[in-house]
Amino acid sequence: MGPLETALRRFDQDDSTLLVEDDRRDGSRVKILKQVRISGLDGMPYDEVATVIDLTREGLYLTTRSQLNVGTELRLVFPDTGSECTCLAVRVEDLPNGRQGIGVRILGW
């Protein structure tokens, strides 16, 4: 079992996590509401807790207060599991609540 499957199984066992299957993409997407710590790997001075909204084998979508750009490299740490990964921001959108929605591709665990 790979790191994603391990993380998903642990999320599923945690009572504070909402999991809903959603098949709108080619790959399997899992909707979750889970906090993750993000920090910059490319010299960006930020370190904050963001909210993961959904997750696939290749990436995830999260919301953050930081203003990030496409191409930003991030380090994500899942506090409940201790899992961490390196990601690349591939989509950025401003949300009505003042936060940003960030689509990231997982580069490695």
C-alpha atoms as a PDB file:
ATOM      1  CA  MET A   1       0.000   0.000   0.000  1.00  0.00           C
ATOM      2  CA  GLY A   2       1.382   3.406  -0.993  1.00  0.00           C
ATOM      3  CA  PRO A   3       1.501   6.621   1.074  1.00  0.00           C
ATOM      4  CA  LEU A   4      -1.733   7.986  -0.435  1.00  0.00           C
ATOM      5  CA  GLU A   5      -3.694   4.841   0.337  1.00  0.00           C
ATOM      6  CA  THR A   6      -2.255   4.803   3.875  1.00  0.00           C
ATOM      7  CA  ALA A   7      -3.159   8.471   4.380  1.00  0.00           C
ATOM      8  CA  LEU A   8      -6.670   7.943   2.987  1.00  0.00           C
ATOM      9  CA  ARG A   9      -7.289   4.939   5.225  1.00  0.00           C
ATOM     10  CA  ARG A  10      -6.127   6.910   8.270  1.00  0.00           C
ATOM     11  CA  PHE A  11      -8.361   9.845   7.259  1.00  0.00           C
ATOM     12  CA  ASP A  12     -11.271   7.428   6.946  1.00  0.00           C
ATOM     13  CA  GLN A  13     -10.682   6.144  10.499  1.00  0.00           C
ATOM     14  CA  ASP A  14     -10.601   9.667  11.972  1.00  0.00           C
ATOM     15  CA  ASP A  15     -14.053  10.760  13.203  1.00  0.00           C
ATOM     16  CA  SER A  16     -13.304  14.432  12.441  1.00  0.00           C
ATOM     17  CA  THR A  17     -12.919  13.804   8.704  1.00  0.00           C
ATOM     18  CA  LEU A  18     -15.667  13.957   6.116  1.00  0.00           C
ATOM     19  CA  LEU A  19     -15.160  11.545   3.214  1.00  0.00           C
ATOM     20  CA  VAL A  20     -17.381  11.529   0.139  1.00  0.00           C
ATOM     21  CA  GLU A  21     -16.618   9.763  -3.131  1.00  0.00           C
ATOM     22  CA  ASP A  22     -16.869  11.991  -6.207  1.00  0.00           C
ATOM     23  CA  ASP A  23     -16.325  10.611  -9.723  1.00  0.00           C
ATOM     24  CA  ARG A  24     -16.392  13.788 -11.827  1.00  0.00           C
ATOM     25  CA  ARG A  25     -12.755  13.349 -12.935  1.00  0.00           C
ATOM     26  CA  ASP A  26     -11.027  10.561 -14.813  1.00  0.00           C
ATOM     27  CA  GLY A  27      -9.184   9.570 -11.633  1.00  0.00           C
ATOM     28  CA  SER A  28     -10.837   8.783  -8.343  1.00  0.00           C
ATOM     29  CA  ARG A  29     -11.343  11.907  -6.232  1.00  0.00           C
ATOM     30  CA  VAL A  30     -11.997  11.775  -2.512  1.00  0.00           C
ATOM     31  CA  LYS A  31     -13.625  14.764  -0.864  1.00  0.00           C
ATOM     32  CA  ILE A  32     -12.230  15.417   2.600  1.00  0.00           C
ATOM     33  CA  LEU A  33     -12.117  18.300   5.004  1.00  0.00           C
ATOM     34  CA  LYS A  34      -8.766  17.975   6.715  1.00  0.00           C
ATOM     35  CA  GLN A  35      -6.160  20.386   7.974  1.00  0.00           C
ATOM     36  CA  VAL A  36      -2.636  20.215   6.599  1.00  0.00           C
ATOM     37  CA  ARG A  37       0.432  22.331   7.380  1.00  0.00           C
ATOM     38  CA  ILE A  38       1.917  23.985   4.305  1.00  0.00           C
ATOM     39  CA  SER A  39       5.251  25.726   3.940  1.00  0.00           C
ATOM     40  CA  GLY A  40       7.220  27.100   1.014  1.00  0.00           C
ATOM     41  CA  LEU A  41      10.161  25.304  -0.519  1.00  0.00           C
ATOM     42  CA  ASP A  42      11.144  28.064  -2.905  1.00  0.00           C
ATOM     43  CA  GLY A  43      12.114  30.783  -0.424  1.00  0.00           C
ATOM     44  CA  MET A  44       8.544  31.953   0.228  1.00  0.00           C
ATOM     45  CA  PRO A  45       8.345  32.966   3.918  1.00  0.00           C
ATOM     46  CA  TYR A  46       5.111  31.301   4.999  1.00  0.00           C
ATOM     47  CA  ASP A  47       4.048  28.433   7.181  1.00  0.00           C
ATOM     48  CA  GLU A  48       0.356  27.959   7.881  1.00  0.00           C
ATOM     49  CA  VAL A  49      -2.444  25.486   8.373  1.00  0.00           C
ATOM     50  CA  ALA A  50      -4.580  25.065   5.243  1.00  0.00           C
ATOM     51  CA  THR A  51      -7.690  22.957   4.580  1.00  0.00           C
ATOM     52  CA  VAL A  52      -7.602  20.080   2.098  1.00  0.00           C
ATOM     53  CA  ILE A  53     -10.909  19.893   0.204  1.00  0.00           C
ATOM     54  CA  ASP A  54     -10.287  16.922  -2.079  1.00  0.00           C
ATOM     55  CA  LEU A  55      -7.564  14.448  -2.917  1.00  0.00           C
ATOM     56  CA  THR A  56      -6.569  12.226  -5.849  1.00  0.00           C
ATOM     57  CA  ARG A  57      -3.571   9.997  -6.550  1.00  0.00           C
ATOM     58  CA  GLU A  58      -1.882  12.818  -8.465  1.00  0.00           C
ATOM     59  CA  GLY A  59      -2.741  15.867  -6.372  1.00  0.00           C
ATOM     60  CA  LEU A  60      -5.091  17.714  -4.089  1.00  0.00           C
ATOM     61  CA  TYR A  61      -7.092  20.899  -3.765  1.00  0.00           C
ATOM     62  CA  LEU A  62      -6.742  23.057  -0.677  1.00  0.00           C
ATOM     63  CA  THR A  63      -7.692  26.487   0.579  1.00  0.00           C
ATOM     64  CA  THR A  64      -5.234  28.877   2.181  1.00  0.00           C
ATOM     65  CA  ARG A  65      -4.895  32.444   3.433  1.00  0.00           C
ATOM     66  CA  SER A  66      -1.504  32.804   1.677  1.00  0.00           C
ATOM     67  CA  GLN A  67      -1.377  34.381  -1.745  1.00  0.00           C
ATOM     68  CA  LEU A  68       0.468  31.815  -3.854  1.00  0.00           C
ATOM     69  CA  ASN A  69       1.290  31.632  -7.544  1.00  0.00           C
ATOM     70  CA  VAL A  70       1.213  28.833 -10.089  1.00  0.00           C
ATOM     71  CA  GLY A  71       4.644  27.195  -9.990  1.00  0.00           C
ATOM     72  CA  THR A  72       5.126  27.600  -6.231  1.00  0.00           C
ATOM     73  CA  GLU A  73       6.689  24.526  -4.603  1.00  0.00           C
ATOM     74  CA  LEU A  74       5.131  23.509  -1.297  1.00  0.00           C
ATOM     75  CA  ARG A  75       5.802  21.077   1.513  1.00  0.00           C
ATOM     76  CA  LEU A  76       2.620  19.596   3.016  1.00  0.00           C
ATOM     77  CA  VAL A  77       2.546  17.781   6.346  1.00  0.00           C
ATOM     78  CA  PHE A  78      -0.552  15.840   7.431  1.00  0.00           C
ATOM     79  CA  PRO A  79      -0.449  16.195  11.242  1.00  0.00           C
ATOM     80  CA  ASP A  80      -2.677  13.199  12.012  1.00  0.00           C
ATOM     81  CA  THR A  81      -0.558  10.710  10.068  1.00  0.00           C
ATOM     82  CA  GLY A  82       2.860  12.336   9.989  1.00  0.00           C
ATOM     83  CA  SER A  83       2.857  11.891   6.191  1.00  0.00           C
ATOM     84  CA  GLU A  84       4.440  14.654   4.164  1.00  0.00           C
ATOM     85  CA  CYS A  85       4.816  15.391   0.497  1.00  0.00           C
ATOM     86  CA  THR A  86       6.309  17.894  -1.894  1.00  0.00           C
ATOM     87  CA  CYS A  87       3.859  19.559  -4.290  1.00  0.00           C
ATOM     88  CA  LEU A  88       3.729  22.060  -7.118  1.00  0.00           C
ATOM     89  CA  ALA A  89       0.897  24.616  -7.397  1.00  0.00           C
ATOM     90  CA  VAL A  90      -0.704  24.116 -10.813  1.00  0.00           C
ATOM     91  CA  ARG A  91      -3.932  26.110 -10.338  1.00  0.00           C
ATOM     92  CA  VAL A  92      -4.726  29.157  -8.203  1.00  0.00           C
ATOM     93  CA  GLU A  93      -8.105  30.824  -7.814  1.00  0.00           C
ATOM     94  CA  ASP A  94      -9.385  33.618  -5.595  1.00  0.00           C
ATOM     95  CA  LEU A  95     -12.356  32.530  -3.504  1.00  0.00           C
ATOM     96  CA  PRO A  96     -15.265  34.772  -2.413  1.00  0.00           C
ATOM     97  CA  ASN A  97     -14.280  34.428   1.268  1.00  0.00           C
ATOM     98  CA  GLY A  98     -10.880  36.068   0.645  1.00  0.00           C
ATOM     99  CA  ARG A  99      -8.938  32.804   0.672  1.00  0.00           C
ATOM    100  CA  GLN A 100      -7.239  31.138  -2.276  1.00  0.00           C
ATOM    101  CA  GLY A 101      -8.065  27.757  -3.742  1.00  0.00           C
ATOM    102  CA  ILE A 102      -4.876  25.950  -4.762  1.00  0.00           C
ATOM    103  CA  GLY A 103      -4.680  22.877  -6.971  1.00  0.00           C
ATOM    104  CA  VAL A 104      -1.366  21.082  -6.441  1.00  0.00           C
ATOM    105  CA  ARG A 105       0.328  18.144  -8.141  1.00  0.00           C
ATOM    106  CA  ILE A 106       2.131  15.764  -5.800  1.00  0.00           C
ATOM    107  CA  LEU A 107       5.796  15.513  -6.783  1.00  0.00           C
ATOM    108  CA  GLY A 108       6.868  13.015  -4.122  1.00  0.00           C
ATOM    109  CA  TRP A 109       6.231  11.575  -0.669  1.00  0.00           C
END
